[in-house]
N, C-alpha and C. Protein backbone atom coordinates (compact mmCIF):
# COMPACT_ATOMS: atom_id res chain seq x y z
N MET A 1 0.84 -1.18 0.00
CA MET A 1 0.00 0.00 0.00
C MET A 1 0.88 1.24 0.00
N GLU A 2 0.41 2.26 -0.70
CA GLU A 2 1.13 3.52 -0.72
C GLU A 2 0.17 4.69 -0.84
N ILE A 3 0.66 5.83 -0.46
CA ILE A 3 -0.09 7.07 -0.64
C ILE A 3 0.18 7.53 -2.06
N THR A 4 -0.87 7.84 -2.80
CA THR A 4 -0.67 8.27 -4.18
C THR A 4 -1.22 9.67 -4.40
N LEU A 5 -0.47 10.43 -5.16
CA LEU A 5 -0.87 11.76 -5.59
C LEU A 5 -0.93 11.72 -7.10
N GLY A 6 -2.01 12.25 -7.68
CA GLY A 6 -2.16 12.08 -9.11
C GLY A 6 -2.60 13.31 -9.86
N GLN A 7 -2.32 13.24 -11.15
CA GLN A 7 -2.73 14.25 -12.12
C GLN A 7 -3.45 13.50 -13.24
N PRO A 8 -4.75 13.27 -13.08
CA PRO A 8 -5.49 12.45 -14.03
C PRO A 8 -5.57 13.06 -15.42
N ASP A 9 -5.65 12.18 -16.41
CA ASP A 9 -5.90 12.63 -17.78
C ASP A 9 -7.17 13.46 -17.80
N GLY A 10 -7.17 14.50 -18.61
CA GLY A 10 -8.33 15.38 -18.71
C GLY A 10 -8.23 16.61 -17.84
N LEU A 11 -7.22 16.67 -16.95
CA LEU A 11 -6.97 17.85 -16.12
C LEU A 11 -5.59 18.39 -16.45
N VAL A 12 -5.39 19.67 -16.20
CA VAL A 12 -4.11 20.29 -16.47
C VAL A 12 -3.00 19.58 -15.69
N ILE A 13 -1.87 19.38 -16.35
CA ILE A 13 -0.71 18.77 -15.70
C ILE A 13 0.22 19.90 -15.26
N SER A 14 0.56 19.92 -13.98
CA SER A 14 1.40 20.98 -13.44
C SER A 14 2.50 20.38 -12.58
N PRO A 15 3.70 20.93 -12.68
CA PRO A 15 4.76 20.48 -11.78
C PRO A 15 4.58 21.04 -10.37
N ALA A 16 3.62 21.99 -10.21
CA ALA A 16 3.43 22.67 -8.93
C ALA A 16 2.39 22.02 -8.03
N PHE A 17 1.47 21.24 -8.59
CA PHE A 17 0.42 20.66 -7.76
C PHE A 17 -0.17 19.42 -8.43
N SER A 18 -0.74 18.56 -7.59
CA SER A 18 -1.51 17.42 -8.05
C SER A 18 -2.99 17.73 -7.84
N HIS A 19 -3.86 16.87 -8.39
CA HIS A 19 -5.30 17.09 -8.27
C HIS A 19 -5.98 16.16 -7.28
N VAL A 20 -5.39 15.00 -7.05
CA VAL A 20 -6.07 14.00 -6.23
C VAL A 20 -5.04 13.27 -5.36
N ALA A 21 -5.46 12.94 -4.15
CA ALA A 21 -4.62 12.16 -3.25
C ALA A 21 -5.45 10.98 -2.74
N VAL A 22 -4.81 9.82 -2.66
CA VAL A 22 -5.46 8.64 -2.12
C VAL A 22 -4.61 8.14 -0.95
N VAL A 23 -5.24 8.06 0.21
CA VAL A 23 -4.56 7.61 1.42
C VAL A 23 -5.17 6.27 1.80
N PRO A 24 -4.37 5.20 1.81
CA PRO A 24 -4.91 3.88 2.10
C PRO A 24 -5.25 3.70 3.57
N PRO A 25 -6.09 2.72 3.87
CA PRO A 25 -6.39 2.40 5.28
C PRO A 25 -5.09 2.09 6.03
N GLY A 26 -5.05 2.50 7.25
CA GLY A 26 -3.89 2.23 8.08
C GLY A 26 -2.88 3.37 8.12
N ALA A 27 -3.00 4.32 7.22
CA ALA A 27 -2.09 5.47 7.25
C ALA A 27 -2.53 6.41 8.37
N THR A 28 -1.57 7.11 8.93
CA THR A 28 -1.87 8.12 9.94
C THR A 28 -2.01 9.46 9.23
N THR A 29 -3.12 10.13 9.48
CA THR A 29 -3.35 11.44 8.88
C THR A 29 -3.09 12.50 9.94
N VAL A 30 -2.31 13.51 9.56
CA VAL A 30 -1.93 14.58 10.48
C VAL A 30 -2.38 15.91 9.88
N TYR A 31 -3.09 16.70 10.66
CA TYR A 31 -3.58 18.00 10.23
C TYR A 31 -2.85 19.08 11.01
N VAL A 32 -2.35 20.08 10.30
CA VAL A 32 -1.75 21.24 10.96
C VAL A 32 -2.60 22.45 10.59
N GLY A 33 -3.11 23.11 11.61
CA GLY A 33 -3.95 24.29 11.41
C GLY A 33 -3.13 25.49 10.99
N GLY A 34 -3.82 26.57 10.69
CA GLY A 34 -3.21 27.78 10.14
C GLY A 34 -1.97 28.25 10.88
N GLN A 35 -0.90 28.37 10.13
CA GLN A 35 0.38 28.86 10.65
C GLN A 35 0.72 30.17 9.95
N ASN A 36 1.03 31.17 10.74
CA ASN A 36 1.44 32.47 10.22
C ASN A 36 2.95 32.61 10.35
N GLY A 37 3.47 33.69 9.81
CA GLY A 37 4.89 33.99 9.93
C GLY A 37 5.19 34.66 11.25
N VAL A 38 5.05 33.90 12.32
CA VAL A 38 5.28 34.43 13.67
C VAL A 38 6.36 33.61 14.37
N ASP A 39 7.00 34.25 15.34
CA ASP A 39 8.01 33.54 16.13
C ASP A 39 7.35 32.83 17.30
N VAL A 40 8.14 32.24 18.16
CA VAL A 40 7.63 31.45 19.28
C VAL A 40 6.81 32.28 20.27
N THR A 41 7.01 33.60 20.27
CA THR A 41 6.22 34.46 21.16
C THR A 41 4.92 34.92 20.51
N GLY A 42 4.74 34.61 19.23
CA GLY A 42 3.54 35.04 18.50
C GLY A 42 3.71 36.35 17.76
N ALA A 43 4.92 36.92 17.81
CA ALA A 43 5.18 38.17 17.11
C ALA A 43 5.43 37.91 15.63
N VAL A 44 4.83 38.72 14.77
CA VAL A 44 5.07 38.62 13.33
C VAL A 44 6.55 38.89 13.08
N VAL A 45 7.20 38.01 12.29
CA VAL A 45 8.66 38.06 12.15
C VAL A 45 9.16 39.21 11.29
N SER A 46 8.31 39.75 10.41
CA SER A 46 8.77 40.76 9.48
C SER A 46 7.57 41.34 8.76
N SER A 47 7.76 42.47 8.13
CA SER A 47 6.70 43.01 7.26
C SER A 47 6.88 42.53 5.83
N ASP A 48 7.92 41.72 5.58
CA ASP A 48 8.22 41.17 4.26
C ASP A 48 7.43 39.88 4.04
N ALA A 49 6.67 39.83 2.96
CA ALA A 49 5.83 38.67 2.68
C ALA A 49 6.64 37.39 2.49
N GLY A 50 7.78 37.49 1.85
CA GLY A 50 8.62 36.30 1.65
C GLY A 50 9.15 35.74 2.96
N GLU A 51 9.58 36.63 3.85
CA GLU A 51 10.08 36.19 5.15
C GLU A 51 8.96 35.58 5.99
N GLN A 52 7.78 36.19 5.94
CA GLN A 52 6.64 35.62 6.67
C GLN A 52 6.28 34.24 6.12
N SER A 53 6.31 34.11 4.81
CA SER A 53 5.96 32.83 4.18
C SER A 53 6.93 31.74 4.60
N ALA A 54 8.20 32.06 4.55
CA ALA A 54 9.21 31.08 4.95
C ALA A 54 9.00 30.64 6.39
N ARG A 55 8.70 31.58 7.27
CA ARG A 55 8.49 31.24 8.68
C ARG A 55 7.20 30.45 8.88
N ALA A 56 6.15 30.78 8.13
CA ALA A 56 4.90 30.02 8.25
C ALA A 56 5.11 28.55 7.88
N VAL A 57 5.85 28.31 6.80
CA VAL A 57 6.13 26.92 6.41
C VAL A 57 7.03 26.25 7.44
N GLU A 58 7.99 26.99 7.97
CA GLU A 58 8.86 26.44 9.03
C GLU A 58 8.03 26.07 10.26
N ASN A 59 7.07 26.91 10.61
CA ASN A 59 6.20 26.59 11.74
C ASN A 59 5.39 25.32 11.47
N ALA A 60 4.92 25.16 10.24
CA ALA A 60 4.20 23.92 9.88
C ALA A 60 5.13 22.72 9.99
N ARG A 61 6.38 22.88 9.54
CA ARG A 61 7.36 21.79 9.63
C ARG A 61 7.57 21.37 11.09
N ILE A 62 7.72 22.36 11.97
CA ILE A 62 7.91 22.07 13.39
C ILE A 62 6.71 21.30 13.93
N ALA A 63 5.51 21.75 13.57
CA ALA A 63 4.29 21.07 14.05
C ALA A 63 4.25 19.62 13.55
N PHE A 64 4.51 19.41 12.28
CA PHE A 64 4.50 18.05 11.75
C PHE A 64 5.56 17.18 12.43
N GLU A 65 6.76 17.69 12.55
CA GLU A 65 7.84 16.90 13.14
C GLU A 65 7.57 16.55 14.59
N SER A 66 6.76 17.36 15.27
CA SER A 66 6.44 17.07 16.68
C SER A 66 5.65 15.78 16.83
N VAL A 67 5.05 15.31 15.74
CA VAL A 67 4.28 14.06 15.79
C VAL A 67 4.80 13.01 14.81
N GLY A 68 6.04 13.18 14.37
CA GLY A 68 6.67 12.16 13.54
C GLY A 68 6.39 12.24 12.06
N ALA A 69 5.89 13.36 11.58
CA ALA A 69 5.68 13.56 10.15
C ALA A 69 6.64 14.63 9.66
N GLY A 70 6.70 14.83 8.36
CA GLY A 70 7.56 15.86 7.80
C GLY A 70 6.90 16.51 6.60
N LEU A 71 7.53 17.55 6.09
CA LEU A 71 6.96 18.23 4.93
C LEU A 71 6.86 17.29 3.73
N GLU A 72 7.73 16.31 3.67
CA GLU A 72 7.67 15.34 2.56
C GLU A 72 6.43 14.46 2.63
N ASP A 73 5.75 14.45 3.77
CA ASP A 73 4.53 13.65 3.95
C ASP A 73 3.26 14.45 3.65
N VAL A 74 3.40 15.75 3.38
CA VAL A 74 2.22 16.59 3.14
C VAL A 74 1.57 16.20 1.82
N ILE A 75 0.25 15.98 1.88
CA ILE A 75 -0.50 15.68 0.67
C ILE A 75 -1.33 16.87 0.21
N SER A 76 -1.57 17.85 1.09
CA SER A 76 -2.40 18.99 0.72
C SER A 76 -2.03 20.23 1.52
N TRP A 77 -1.87 21.34 0.81
CA TRP A 77 -1.60 22.64 1.42
C TRP A 77 -2.72 23.61 1.10
N THR A 78 -3.05 24.46 2.06
CA THR A 78 -3.91 25.62 1.82
C THR A 78 -3.07 26.84 2.14
N VAL A 79 -3.02 27.78 1.21
CA VAL A 79 -2.20 28.98 1.35
C VAL A 79 -3.10 30.20 1.20
N LEU A 80 -3.21 30.97 2.27
CA LEU A 80 -4.00 32.21 2.25
C LEU A 80 -3.02 33.38 2.26
N ILE A 81 -3.17 34.27 1.29
CA ILE A 81 -2.26 35.40 1.16
C ILE A 81 -3.08 36.70 1.26
N HIS A 82 -2.66 37.58 2.13
CA HIS A 82 -3.34 38.86 2.29
C HIS A 82 -3.27 39.63 0.98
N ARG A 83 -4.36 40.26 0.61
CA ARG A 83 -4.44 40.97 -0.68
C ARG A 83 -3.42 42.10 -0.80
N ASP A 84 -2.91 42.62 0.32
CA ASP A 84 -1.91 43.69 0.26
C ASP A 84 -0.47 43.16 0.18
N ALA A 85 -0.30 41.85 0.23
CA ALA A 85 1.05 41.26 0.21
C ALA A 85 1.59 41.24 -1.22
N ASP A 86 2.90 41.23 -1.32
CA ASP A 86 3.56 41.02 -2.60
C ASP A 86 3.34 39.54 -2.96
N LEU A 87 2.46 39.30 -3.91
CA LEU A 87 2.04 37.93 -4.23
C LEU A 87 3.21 37.05 -4.65
N ARG A 88 4.07 37.57 -5.49
CA ARG A 88 5.22 36.76 -5.95
C ARG A 88 6.14 36.38 -4.79
N ALA A 89 6.40 37.33 -3.92
CA ALA A 89 7.28 37.04 -2.77
C ALA A 89 6.61 36.07 -1.82
N ALA A 90 5.33 36.29 -1.54
CA ALA A 90 4.62 35.43 -0.59
C ALA A 90 4.49 34.01 -1.11
N TYR A 91 3.95 33.86 -2.32
CA TYR A 91 3.74 32.51 -2.84
C TYR A 91 5.06 31.87 -3.28
N GLY A 92 5.97 32.68 -3.78
CA GLY A 92 7.26 32.13 -4.20
C GLY A 92 8.01 31.48 -3.06
N ALA A 93 7.99 32.10 -1.90
CA ALA A 93 8.68 31.54 -0.73
C ALA A 93 8.02 30.25 -0.28
N VAL A 94 6.70 30.19 -0.38
CA VAL A 94 5.99 28.96 -0.01
C VAL A 94 6.27 27.88 -1.04
N ALA A 95 6.11 28.20 -2.32
CA ALA A 95 6.26 27.21 -3.39
C ALA A 95 7.63 26.55 -3.35
N SER A 96 8.68 27.32 -3.08
CA SER A 96 10.03 26.74 -3.05
C SER A 96 10.18 25.72 -1.93
N ARG A 97 9.38 25.84 -0.90
CA ARG A 97 9.45 24.90 0.23
C ARG A 97 8.49 23.72 0.08
N LEU A 98 7.59 23.79 -0.90
CA LEU A 98 6.66 22.70 -1.12
C LEU A 98 7.23 21.67 -2.09
N ALA A 99 8.26 22.06 -2.83
CA ALA A 99 8.85 21.16 -3.82
C ALA A 99 9.38 19.90 -3.14
N ARG A 100 9.24 18.79 -3.84
CA ARG A 100 9.73 17.52 -3.31
C ARG A 100 9.86 16.53 -4.45
N ASP A 101 10.49 15.40 -4.16
CA ASP A 101 10.61 14.35 -5.16
C ASP A 101 9.25 13.73 -5.43
N GLY A 102 9.05 13.29 -6.66
CA GLY A 102 7.79 12.64 -7.00
C GLY A 102 6.69 13.64 -7.27
N ALA A 103 5.47 13.17 -7.17
CA ALA A 103 4.31 14.02 -7.46
C ALA A 103 4.17 15.12 -6.42
N PRO A 104 3.83 16.33 -6.85
CA PRO A 104 3.65 17.42 -5.90
C PRO A 104 2.35 17.25 -5.11
N PRO A 105 2.24 17.92 -3.96
CA PRO A 105 1.02 17.85 -3.16
C PRO A 105 -0.12 18.63 -3.82
N LEU A 106 -1.31 18.47 -3.29
CA LEU A 106 -2.43 19.29 -3.69
C LEU A 106 -2.22 20.67 -3.08
N VAL A 107 -2.63 21.73 -3.79
CA VAL A 107 -2.45 23.08 -3.28
C VAL A 107 -3.71 23.90 -3.59
N THR A 108 -4.22 24.56 -2.56
CA THR A 108 -5.28 25.55 -2.73
C THR A 108 -4.72 26.87 -2.24
N ALA A 109 -4.81 27.90 -3.08
CA ALA A 109 -4.30 29.22 -2.70
C ALA A 109 -5.39 30.26 -2.94
N ALA A 110 -5.43 31.26 -2.07
CA ALA A 110 -6.43 32.31 -2.21
C ALA A 110 -5.88 33.63 -1.68
N LEU A 111 -6.29 34.72 -2.35
CA LEU A 111 -6.05 36.05 -1.81
C LEU A 111 -7.21 36.38 -0.90
N VAL A 112 -6.90 36.93 0.28
CA VAL A 112 -7.95 37.22 1.26
C VAL A 112 -7.86 38.67 1.72
N ALA A 113 -8.97 39.19 2.23
CA ALA A 113 -9.02 40.57 2.70
C ALA A 113 -8.30 40.77 4.02
N GLY A 114 -8.16 39.73 4.80
CA GLY A 114 -7.50 39.86 6.09
C GLY A 114 -7.26 38.50 6.72
N LEU A 115 -6.37 38.47 7.68
CA LEU A 115 -6.06 37.27 8.44
C LEU A 115 -6.24 37.56 9.92
N GLY A 116 -6.35 36.54 10.73
CA GLY A 116 -6.63 36.72 12.15
C GLY A 116 -5.53 37.34 12.96
N VAL A 117 -4.29 37.25 12.51
CA VAL A 117 -3.16 37.81 13.25
C VAL A 117 -2.84 39.18 12.66
N PRO A 118 -2.93 40.24 13.45
CA PRO A 118 -2.62 41.58 12.93
C PRO A 118 -1.20 41.63 12.34
N GLY A 119 -1.09 42.14 11.13
CA GLY A 119 0.21 42.24 10.46
C GLY A 119 0.58 41.01 9.66
N ALA A 120 -0.19 39.94 9.79
CA ALA A 120 0.11 38.72 9.04
C ALA A 120 -0.25 38.90 7.57
N LEU A 121 0.64 38.43 6.70
CA LEU A 121 0.43 38.51 5.26
C LEU A 121 0.15 37.15 4.65
N ILE A 122 0.37 36.09 5.42
CA ILE A 122 0.18 34.74 4.90
C ILE A 122 -0.22 33.80 6.03
N GLU A 123 -0.98 32.78 5.64
CA GLU A 123 -1.32 31.70 6.56
C GLU A 123 -1.35 30.41 5.76
N VAL A 124 -0.73 29.38 6.30
CA VAL A 124 -0.72 28.08 5.64
C VAL A 124 -1.29 27.03 6.59
N SER A 125 -2.00 26.08 6.03
CA SER A 125 -2.40 24.90 6.77
C SER A 125 -2.14 23.70 5.86
N ALA A 126 -2.06 22.52 6.44
CA ALA A 126 -1.67 21.37 5.63
C ALA A 126 -2.19 20.07 6.24
N VAL A 127 -2.25 19.06 5.38
CA VAL A 127 -2.60 17.71 5.78
C VAL A 127 -1.50 16.79 5.30
N ALA A 128 -1.02 15.94 6.19
CA ALA A 128 0.01 14.95 5.84
C ALA A 128 -0.55 13.56 6.07
N ALA A 129 0.02 12.60 5.37
CA ALA A 129 -0.34 11.20 5.57
C ALA A 129 0.96 10.40 5.68
N VAL A 130 1.02 9.54 6.68
CA VAL A 130 2.22 8.77 6.95
C VAL A 130 1.86 7.30 7.04
N LEU A 131 2.58 6.48 6.26
CA LEU A 131 2.42 5.04 6.38
C LEU A 131 3.34 4.54 7.47
N ARG A 132 2.82 3.82 8.40
CA ARG A 132 3.62 3.27 9.49
C ARG A 132 3.91 1.81 9.19
N PRO A 133 5.14 1.39 9.45
CA PRO A 133 5.48 -0.03 9.18
C PRO A 133 4.72 -0.98 10.08
């Protein structure tokens, strides 16, 4: 059994994202809720969208690793970018950290009017699946 990510015929083929994920019975599914570009005290790390994005993904990595998963196990990302953020910097910093061997994860991205953390320009959440021996 394996976790599969696919790009079915009839849908656009992209090196940046897959369209479907299949997680077999017995896999452990791990959900990480919205992570912003904040430090351990909750302070926004920078007013730069790229720096916030990098920290948000790093925060997700820390959360996953705390339960034995890693970014390589992520099957789906949600990326929310504040409408006032530099879109290329914000998404570019996230996209570079989502790259991995094999099929890319599923990705949903949206521009939003605001986020819950004052000063936050990005928020990411993710779902990982891990096969245990």
